[in-house]
N, C-alpha and C. Protein backbone atom coordinates (compact mmCIF):
# COMPACT_ATOMS: atom_id res chain seq x y z
N MET A 1 -2.32 -12.02 0.67
CA MET A 1 -1.90 -11.47 -0.31
C MET A 1 -0.69 -11.85 -1.23
N PHE A 2 0.03 -12.59 -0.87
CA PHE A 2 1.49 -13.02 -1.51
C PHE A 2 1.36 -14.32 -2.61
N ASP A 3 0.33 -14.75 -2.28
CA ASP A 3 -0.39 -15.44 -3.34
C ASP A 3 -0.66 -15.14 -4.66
N LYS A 4 -0.64 -14.09 -4.63
CA LYS A 4 -0.86 -13.41 -6.11
C LYS A 4 0.09 -12.98 -6.61
N GLN A 5 0.01 -12.14 -7.68
CA GLN A 5 1.30 -11.72 -8.74
C GLN A 5 1.64 -10.45 -8.32
N TRP A 6 2.84 -10.35 -8.22
CA TRP A 6 3.47 -9.13 -7.60
C TRP A 6 4.42 -8.93 -8.88
N LYS A 7 4.47 -7.33 -9.07
CA LYS A 7 5.30 -6.82 -10.31
C LYS A 7 6.17 -5.87 -9.68
N THR A 8 7.34 -5.40 -10.57
CA THR A 8 8.31 -4.21 -10.02
C THR A 8 7.35 -2.77 -10.91
N MET A 9 8.13 -1.67 -10.41
CA MET A 9 7.64 -1.08 -11.48
C MET A 9 7.78 -0.47 -12.28
N GLU A 10 8.40 -1.96 -13.18
CA GLU A 10 8.88 -1.55 -14.76
C GLU A 10 7.66 -2.88 -15.47
N GLY A 11 6.96 -3.33 -14.52
CA GLY A 11 5.93 -4.24 -14.83
C GLY A 11 6.48 -5.98 -14.99
N LYS A 12 7.84 -5.90 -14.46
CA LYS A 12 8.10 -7.31 -14.19
C LYS A 12 7.68 -8.40 -13.39
N ILE A 13 7.37 -9.59 -13.80
CA ILE A 13 6.79 -10.23 -12.46
C ILE A 13 7.90 -10.52 -11.71
N VAL A 14 7.36 -10.95 -10.17
CA VAL A 14 8.69 -11.31 -8.85
C VAL A 14 8.27 -12.29 -8.41
N PRO A 15 8.61 -13.78 -9.04
CA PRO A 15 7.95 -15.02 -8.74
C PRO A 15 7.86 -15.16 -7.11
N ASP A 16 9.03 -14.66 -6.57
CA ASP A 16 9.09 -14.71 -4.86
C ASP A 16 9.05 -13.32 -4.34
N VAL A 17 7.82 -12.38 -4.00
CA VAL A 17 8.09 -10.87 -3.77
C VAL A 17 8.62 -11.24 -2.13
N ILE A 18 8.32 -12.21 -1.29
CA ILE A 18 8.99 -12.39 0.11
C ILE A 18 10.53 -12.57 0.20
N GLY A 19 10.82 -13.46 -1.00
CA GLY A 19 12.38 -13.53 -1.06
C GLY A 19 13.27 -12.58 -1.30
N THR A 20 12.47 -11.98 -2.51
CA THR A 20 13.28 -10.70 -2.82
C THR A 20 13.27 -9.84 -1.59
N LEU A 21 12.24 -9.39 -0.93
CA LEU A 21 12.21 -8.44 -0.07
C LEU A 21 13.47 -8.76 0.86
N LYS A 22 13.04 -9.81 1.35
CA LYS A 22 14.05 -10.37 2.60
C LYS A 22 15.47 -10.18 2.06
N SER A 23 15.83 -10.45 0.63
CA SER A 23 17.51 -10.33 0.39
C SER A 23 17.72 -8.71 0.24
N ILE A 24 16.41 -7.64 0.65
CA ILE A 24 17.22 -6.76 0.15
C ILE A 24 16.63 -5.68 1.76
N ILE A 25 16.07 -5.71 2.56
CA ILE A 25 15.32 -5.37 3.60
C ILE A 25 16.82 -5.52 4.61
N ASP A 26 17.06 -4.10 5.12
CA ASP A 26 18.27 -4.74 6.41
C ASP A 26 17.97 -3.20 6.76
N ASP A 27 18.79 -3.02 8.58
CA ASP A 27 18.27 -2.38 9.22
C ASP A 27 17.98 -0.70 8.82
N GLU A 28 19.13 -0.75 7.75
CA GLU A 28 18.89 0.49 6.87
C GLU A 28 17.97 1.22 6.19
N ARG A 29 17.24 0.16 6.25
CA ARG A 29 16.32 0.42 4.92
C ARG A 29 14.59 0.68 6.20
N GLU A 30 13.51 1.61 5.39
CA GLU A 30 12.01 1.65 5.63
C GLU A 30 11.95 0.86 4.83
N LEU A 31 10.54 0.42 5.52
CA LEU A 31 9.32 -0.04 4.80
C LEU A 31 8.15 0.48 4.90
N HIS A 32 7.58 1.00 3.54
CA HIS A 32 6.38 1.77 3.60
C HIS A 32 5.35 0.80 2.76
N ILE A 33 4.04 1.01 2.83
CA ILE A 33 3.12 0.34 2.70
C ILE A 33 1.68 1.29 2.15
N GLY A 34 1.29 1.14 1.13
CA GLY A 34 -0.08 2.02 0.88
C GLY A 34 -1.10 1.35 -0.61
N SER A 35 -2.38 1.35 -0.34
CA SER A 35 -3.12 0.88 -1.29
C SER A 35 -3.59 2.50 -2.01
N ASP A 36 -4.44 2.07 -2.89
CA ASP A 36 -5.31 3.22 -3.53
C ASP A 36 -6.15 2.48 -4.51
N SER A 37 -7.34 2.95 -5.01
CA SER A 37 -8.44 2.34 -5.79
C SER A 37 -9.07 3.23 -7.20
N GLN A 38 -9.73 2.63 -8.04
CA GLN A 38 -10.21 3.34 -8.97
C GLN A 38 -11.59 2.62 -9.23
N GLN A 39 -12.56 3.45 -9.50
CA GLN A 39 -13.69 2.46 -9.88
C GLN A 39 -13.21 2.77 -11.78
N ALA A 40 -13.99 1.65 -12.17
CA ALA A 40 -14.00 1.54 -13.74
C ALA A 40 -14.96 0.56 -14.06
N GLY A 41 -15.89 1.27 -14.38
CA GLY A 41 -17.22 0.60 -14.74
C GLY A 41 -17.94 -0.18 -13.74
N GLN A 42 -17.76 -1.58 -14.06
CA GLN A 42 -18.45 -2.50 -12.88
C GLN A 42 -17.56 -3.12 -11.76
N PHE A 43 -16.50 -2.55 -11.94
CA PHE A 43 -15.35 -2.95 -11.27
C PHE A 43 -14.55 -1.77 -10.16
N THR A 44 -14.12 -2.44 -9.51
CA THR A 44 -13.25 -1.39 -8.68
C THR A 44 -11.96 -2.59 -8.70
N GLU A 45 -10.84 -1.16 -9.20
CA GLU A 45 -9.28 -1.93 -8.78
C GLU A 45 -8.74 -1.54 -7.91
N PHE A 46 -7.94 -1.89 -7.15
CA PHE A 46 -6.69 -1.79 -5.79
C PHE A 46 -6.10 -2.41 -6.27
N VAL A 47 -4.90 -1.50 -5.86
CA VAL A 47 -3.23 -1.65 -5.83
C VAL A 47 -2.53 -1.57 -4.65
N THR A 48 -1.84 -2.16 -4.33
CA THR A 48 -1.43 -2.40 -3.22
C THR A 48 0.42 -2.19 -3.61
N VAL A 49 0.88 -1.18 -2.89
CA VAL A 49 2.35 -1.09 -3.06
C VAL A 49 3.25 -1.15 -2.17
N ILE A 50 4.45 -2.21 -2.23
CA ILE A 50 5.22 -2.44 -0.98
C ILE A 50 6.48 -1.28 -1.74
N VAL A 51 7.08 -0.45 -0.83
CA VAL A 51 8.43 0.40 -1.14
C VAL A 51 9.48 0.41 -0.14
N VAL A 52 10.42 -0.37 -0.37
CA VAL A 52 11.34 -0.63 0.36
C VAL A 52 12.89 0.93 -0.07
N LEU A 53 12.85 1.81 1.07
CA LEU A 53 13.34 2.70 0.76
C LEU A 53 14.69 3.06 1.08
N HIS A 54 15.57 3.42 0.95
CA HIS A 54 17.12 3.50 1.33
C HIS A 54 17.32 4.82 1.37
N LYS A 55 17.11 5.48 2.72
CA LYS A 55 16.87 6.71 2.46
C LYS A 55 17.98 7.71 2.26
N GLY A 56 18.07 8.74 1.18
CA GLY A 56 19.42 9.28 0.45
C GLY A 56 19.64 8.36 -0.34
N LYS A 57 19.20 7.34 -0.87
CA LYS A 57 20.13 6.25 -1.97
C LYS A 57 18.81 5.33 -2.59
N GLY A 58 17.49 6.76 -2.48
CA GLY A 58 16.44 5.64 -3.55
C GLY A 58 15.59 4.63 -2.59
N GLY A 59 14.87 3.76 -3.42
CA GLY A 59 14.68 3.03 -2.92
C GLY A 59 14.27 1.85 -4.29
N ARG A 60 13.52 0.52 -3.75
CA ARG A 60 12.28 -0.53 -4.99
C ARG A 60 11.28 -0.51 -4.70
N ALA A 61 10.16 -0.90 -5.19
CA ALA A 61 8.75 -1.06 -5.40
C ALA A 61 8.62 -2.20 -5.82
N PHE A 62 7.14 -2.69 -5.20
CA PHE A 62 6.68 -3.29 -5.67
C PHE A 62 5.16 -3.59 -5.82
N TYR A 63 4.31 -4.34 -6.86
CA TYR A 63 2.72 -3.92 -6.33
C TYR A 63 2.19 -5.08 -7.14
N VAL A 64 0.78 -5.21 -6.38
CA VAL A 64 -0.10 -6.19 -6.93
C VAL A 64 -1.23 -5.92 -7.05
N ARG A 65 -2.44 -6.21 -7.80
CA ARG A 65 -3.42 -5.41 -8.25
C ARG A 65 -4.57 -6.63 -8.17
N GLU A 66 -5.91 -5.60 -7.95
CA GLU A 66 -6.92 -6.96 -7.36
C GLU A 66 -8.00 -6.28 -8.31
N ARG A 67 -8.92 -7.06 -8.88
CA ARG A 67 -10.12 -6.26 -9.25
C ARG A 67 -11.33 -6.91 -8.41
N THR A 68 -12.31 -6.13 -7.97
CA THR A 68 -13.43 -6.51 -7.59
C THR A 68 -14.77 -5.56 -8.30
N PRO A 69 -16.25 -6.42 -7.55
CA PRO A 69 -17.49 -6.03 -8.40
C PRO A 69 -16.82 -4.75 -7.61
N ARG A 70 -17.77 -3.56 -8.48
CA ARG A 70 -17.73 -2.10 -7.83
C ARG A 70 -18.02 -2.10 -6.61
N VAL A 71 -17.43 -1.25 -5.95
CA VAL A 71 -17.26 -1.07 -4.54
C VAL A 71 -18.02 0.57 -4.54
N ALA A 72 -19.29 0.80 -4.17
CA ALA A 72 -19.59 2.02 -4.56
C ALA A 72 -19.21 2.83 -3.27
N SER A 73 -19.54 2.58 -2.11
CA SER A 73 -19.11 3.08 -0.70
C SER A 73 -17.70 3.79 -0.59
N LEU A 74 -17.86 4.81 -0.90
CA LEU A 74 -16.15 5.61 -0.13
C LEU A 74 -15.67 5.03 1.13
N ARG A 75 -16.41 4.54 1.85
CA ARG A 75 -15.96 4.33 3.56
C ARG A 75 -15.67 2.94 3.57
N GLU A 76 -16.03 1.90 2.68
CA GLU A 76 -16.38 0.78 2.29
C GLU A 76 -14.83 0.59 1.47
N ARG A 77 -14.65 1.39 0.60
CA ARG A 77 -13.17 1.35 -0.24
C ARG A 77 -11.81 1.77 0.56
N LEU A 78 -12.30 2.86 1.01
CA LEU A 78 -11.16 2.95 1.96
C LEU A 78 -10.66 1.89 3.06
N MET A 79 -11.33 1.82 3.46
CA MET A 79 -11.48 0.25 4.50
C MET A 79 -10.58 -0.64 3.69
N LYS A 80 -11.14 -1.23 2.72
CA LYS A 80 -10.89 -2.08 1.93
C LYS A 80 -9.24 -1.87 1.31
N GLU A 81 -8.90 -0.78 1.22
CA GLU A 81 -7.47 -0.29 0.72
C GLU A 81 -6.52 -0.34 1.53
N VAL A 82 -7.16 -0.09 3.27
CA VAL A 82 -6.70 -0.19 4.53
C VAL A 82 -6.25 -1.30 5.00
N TRP A 83 -7.01 -2.21 4.87
CA TRP A 83 -6.79 -3.50 5.43
C TRP A 83 -6.00 -4.44 4.62
N MET A 84 -5.74 -3.86 3.04
CA MET A 84 -4.91 -4.65 2.21
C MET A 84 -3.77 -4.36 2.33
N SER A 85 -3.36 -2.82 2.84
CA SER A 85 -2.02 -2.55 3.36
C SER A 85 -1.52 -3.31 4.67
N VAL A 86 -2.55 -3.73 5.49
CA VAL A 86 -2.57 -3.29 6.95
C VAL A 86 -2.03 -5.35 6.63
N ASN A 87 -2.73 -6.09 6.07
CA ASN A 87 -2.68 -7.30 5.93
C ASN A 87 -1.44 -7.56 5.16
N VAL A 88 -0.98 -7.12 4.36
CA VAL A 88 0.42 -7.22 3.83
C VAL A 88 1.70 -7.34 4.82
N GLY A 89 1.27 -6.03 5.74
CA GLY A 89 1.93 -5.86 6.95
C GLY A 89 2.20 -6.69 7.69
N LEU A 90 0.81 -7.05 7.93
CA LEU A 90 0.97 -8.48 8.87
C LEU A 90 1.56 -9.62 8.59
N GLU A 91 1.55 -9.70 7.54
CA GLU A 91 1.98 -11.27 6.82
C GLU A 91 3.41 -10.97 6.88
N LEU A 92 4.15 -9.75 6.20
CA LEU A 92 5.43 -9.58 6.37
C LEU A 92 6.29 -9.62 7.66
N ASN A 93 5.46 -9.38 8.44
CA ASN A 93 6.21 -9.25 9.98
C ASN A 93 6.89 -10.27 10.31
N ALA A 94 6.28 -11.58 9.83
CA ALA A 94 6.86 -13.08 9.77
C ALA A 94 8.15 -13.09 9.23
N HIS A 95 8.34 -12.26 8.11
CA HIS A 95 9.84 -12.35 7.23
C HIS A 95 10.83 -11.12 7.70
N ILE A 96 10.59 -10.07 8.30
CA ILE A 96 11.47 -9.25 8.10
C ILE A 96 12.00 -8.69 9.63
N PRO A 97 12.83 -8.47 9.93
CA PRO A 97 13.35 -7.79 11.27
C PRO A 97 12.71 -7.06 12.08
N ALA A 98 12.35 -7.08 13.01
CA ALA A 98 12.04 -6.28 13.97
C ALA A 98 12.41 -4.99 14.11
N THR A 99 13.43 -4.86 13.58
CA THR A 99 14.08 -3.42 13.37
C THR A 99 14.02 -2.67 12.38
N VAL A 100 13.01 -3.38 11.75
CA VAL A 100 12.84 -2.47 10.21
C VAL A 100 11.31 -1.95 10.65
N GLY A 101 11.63 -0.24 10.17
CA GLY A 101 10.31 0.60 10.57
C GLY A 101 9.91 0.41 9.18
N LEU A 102 8.21 -0.28 9.71
CA LEU A 102 7.13 -0.23 8.89
C LEU A 102 6.03 0.80 9.18
N THR A 103 5.70 1.22 7.87
CA THR A 103 4.31 2.46 7.83
C THR A 103 3.33 2.04 7.04
N VAL A 104 2.33 2.42 7.40
CA VAL A 104 0.84 1.71 6.39
C VAL A 104 0.51 3.74 6.20
N HIS A 105 0.51 3.95 5.14
CA HIS A 105 0.14 5.00 4.14
C HIS A 105 -1.52 4.93 3.74
N ILE A 106 -1.98 5.70 4.15
CA ILE A 106 -3.92 6.16 4.35
C ILE A 106 -4.08 7.28 3.33
N ASP A 107 -4.63 6.33 2.28
CA ASP A 107 -5.24 7.78 1.25
C ASP A 107 -6.18 8.22 1.90
N ALA A 108 -6.37 8.64 2.77
CA ALA A 108 -7.68 9.70 3.51
C ALA A 108 -6.87 11.06 3.93
N ASN A 109 -7.29 12.01 4.10
CA ASN A 109 -7.29 13.53 4.07
C ASN A 109 -8.11 14.01 5.33
N PRO A 110 -7.26 14.52 6.46
CA PRO A 110 -7.92 14.89 7.52
C PRO A 110 -8.47 16.57 7.58
N ASN A 111 -8.30 17.24 6.39
CA ASN A 111 -8.73 18.45 6.00
C ASN A 111 -9.90 17.85 6.29
N LEU A 112 -11.16 18.78 6.56
CA LEU A 112 -12.58 18.82 6.80
C LEU A 112 -13.38 18.84 5.56
N LYS A 113 -12.54 19.52 4.38
CA LYS A 113 -13.25 19.87 3.15
C LYS A 113 -12.82 18.60 2.28
N PHE A 114 -12.47 17.45 2.67
CA PHE A 114 -12.23 16.57 1.84
C PHE A 114 -13.68 15.41 2.42
N LYS A 115 -14.07 14.56 1.27
CA LYS A 115 -15.04 13.43 1.96
C LYS A 115 -14.27 12.53 2.91
N SER A 116 -13.07 11.93 2.27
CA SER A 116 -12.67 10.98 3.55
C SER A 116 -12.12 11.45 4.68
N SER A 117 -12.42 12.82 5.21
CA SER A 117 -11.53 13.01 6.19
C SER A 117 -12.77 12.60 7.22
N ARG A 118 -13.87 11.95 7.23
CA ARG A 118 -14.82 11.44 7.98
C ARG A 118 -14.59 10.13 8.28
N HIS A 119 -13.38 9.43 7.94
CA HIS A 119 -13.05 8.31 7.78
C HIS A 119 -11.75 8.00 8.40
N VAL A 120 -11.34 9.04 8.74
CA VAL A 120 -9.70 9.20 8.95
C VAL A 120 -9.32 8.52 10.73
N LYS A 121 -10.15 8.68 11.50
CA LYS A 121 -10.47 8.35 12.84
C LYS A 121 -10.28 6.42 12.59
N GLU A 122 -11.01 6.35 12.22
CA GLU A 122 -11.53 4.83 12.12
C GLU A 122 -10.21 3.99 11.43
N LEU A 123 -9.74 4.33 10.15
CA LEU A 123 -8.79 4.52 9.41
C LEU A 123 -7.76 4.21 10.26
N THR A 124 -7.00 5.60 10.98
CA THR A 124 -5.90 4.86 11.71
C THR A 124 -5.98 4.47 12.59
N SER A 125 -7.16 4.41 13.26
CA SER A 125 -7.17 3.05 14.72
C SER A 125 -7.02 1.51 13.93
N MET A 126 -7.32 1.25 12.89
CA MET A 126 -7.40 -0.19 12.11
C MET A 126 -5.86 -0.08 11.98
N VAL A 127 -5.37 0.83 11.60
CA VAL A 127 -3.80 0.50 11.33
C VAL A 127 -2.80 0.69 12.32
N VAL A 128 -2.88 1.54 13.77
CA VAL A 128 -2.54 1.46 14.90
C VAL A 128 -2.89 0.24 15.73
N SER A 129 -4.02 -0.01 15.91
CA SER A 129 -4.18 -1.78 16.30
C SER A 129 -3.48 -2.82 16.07
N GLN A 130 -2.98 -2.69 14.92
CA GLN A 130 -2.29 -3.66 14.17
C GLN A 130 -0.80 -3.22 15.11
N GLY A 131 -0.47 -2.11 15.57
CA GLY A 131 1.10 -2.07 15.92
C GLY A 131 1.88 -1.39 14.51
N PHE A 132 1.40 -0.68 13.59
CA PHE A 132 1.81 0.05 12.30
C PHE A 132 1.91 1.33 12.81
N LYS A 133 2.99 1.88 12.19
CA LYS A 133 2.69 3.43 11.93
C LYS A 133 2.22 4.15 11.12
N THR A 134 1.10 4.96 11.24
CA THR A 134 0.67 5.40 9.88
C THR A 134 0.97 6.91 9.44
N LEU A 135 0.81 7.37 8.13
CA LEU A 135 0.76 8.10 7.56
C LEU A 135 -0.57 8.85 6.33
N LEU A 136 -1.13 10.12 7.04
CA LEU A 136 -2.16 10.13 6.19
C LEU A 136 -1.54 11.51 4.80
N LYS A 137 -2.73 11.57 4.25
CA LYS A 137 -2.15 12.68 3.32
C LYS A 137 -1.92 13.89 4.15
N PRO A 138 -1.33 14.94 3.66
CA PRO A 138 -0.61 15.03 2.33
C PRO A 138 0.68 13.95 2.20
N ASP A 139 1.08 13.59 3.82
CA ASP A 139 2.71 13.01 3.63
C ASP A 139 2.40 11.52 3.11
N ALA A 140 1.34 10.87 3.46
CA ALA A 140 1.17 9.53 2.73
C ALA A 140 1.66 9.19 0.95
N TRP A 141 2.56 9.49 1.03
CA TRP A 141 3.44 9.29 -0.29
C TRP A 141 2.96 8.03 -0.90
N CYS A 142 3.05 6.97 -0.34
CA CYS A 142 3.00 5.45 -0.75
C CYS A 142 1.61 4.86 -1.23
N ALA A 143 0.75 5.49 -0.77
CA ALA A 143 -0.33 5.57 -1.11
C ALA A 143 -1.46 6.43 -2.41
N SER A 144 -0.89 8.02 -1.84
CA SER A 144 -1.20 8.92 -2.69
C SER A 144 -0.69 8.81 -3.85
N HIS A 145 0.36 8.51 -4.14
CA HIS A 145 1.39 8.56 -5.53
C HIS A 145 1.87 7.88 -5.62
N THR A 146 2.47 6.65 -4.87
CA THR A 146 2.47 5.29 -6.19
C THR A 146 2.19 4.93 -6.20
N ALA A 147 0.82 4.46 -5.05
CA ALA A 147 -0.20 3.16 -5.44
C ALA A 147 -0.93 3.79 -6.65
N ASP A 148 -1.55 5.35 -6.47
CA ASP A 148 -2.23 5.98 -7.46
C ASP A 148 -1.36 5.68 -9.03
N HIS A 149 -0.13 6.14 -8.73
CA HIS A 149 0.69 5.98 -10.36
C HIS A 149 0.32 4.86 -10.71
N VAL A 150 0.07 3.65 -10.41
CA VAL A 150 -0.19 2.35 -10.67
C VAL A 150 -1.39 2.35 -11.22
N VAL A 151 -2.55 2.32 -10.01
CA VAL A 151 -3.39 1.86 -10.70
C VAL A 151 -4.45 2.65 -11.65
N LYS A 152 -3.20 3.96 -11.67
CA LYS A 152 -4.07 5.24 -13.01
C LYS A 152 -3.07 4.26 -14.18
N HIS A 153 -2.72 2.93 -14.09
CA HIS A 153 -2.29 2.43 -15.18
C HIS A 153 -1.28 3.11 -15.78
N LYS A 154 -0.22 4.19 -15.06
CA LYS A 154 1.06 4.65 -15.57
C LYS A 154 2.11 3.90 -15.33
N VAL A 155 2.27 2.24 -15.75
CA VAL A 155 3.18 1.60 -15.05
C VAL A 155 3.31 0.88 -16.65
N LEU A 156 4.63 0.29 -16.98
CA LEU A 156 4.70 -0.92 -17.68
C LEU A 156 4.22 -2.02 -17.09
N GLY A 157 3.98 -3.17 -18.36
CA GLY A 157 3.67 -4.56 -18.33
C GLY A 157 2.28 -4.87 -17.48
N MET A 158 1.14 -3.99 -18.13
CA MET A 158 -0.03 -3.89 -17.49
C MET A 158 -0.55 -5.24 -17.54
């Protein structure tokens, strides 16, 4: 994922996102990763976001987009979203201190009235089996708000 073009929320290209993350991450910060997707004609657009949060002092966010042929299945789309986030987390593990908390946010709701609830156990297992903490809706703000904000093209520098 780090061979792709990462940007800030203002749309500025980040040529070395790992170097940038290494320079701002320390034991006082948390790392949150989330992905979201949106269907657009014959394509599905995926966005993965990394948020470096300094509790009570704000944070910084970086994102990457990926466009694929349309993914019709909700399960397959959710699996790809979560795997993209997990993959970023796995790649980052080699570059960040082990003391930094890393949480993967899943854009699925455990409430049975939502279709995504059928996949919550499988998606959560995918994250936890890789050693990451996880959050689901309504607490999964990195996926359901930040990545959603980007995938719906509400950021600069499209």
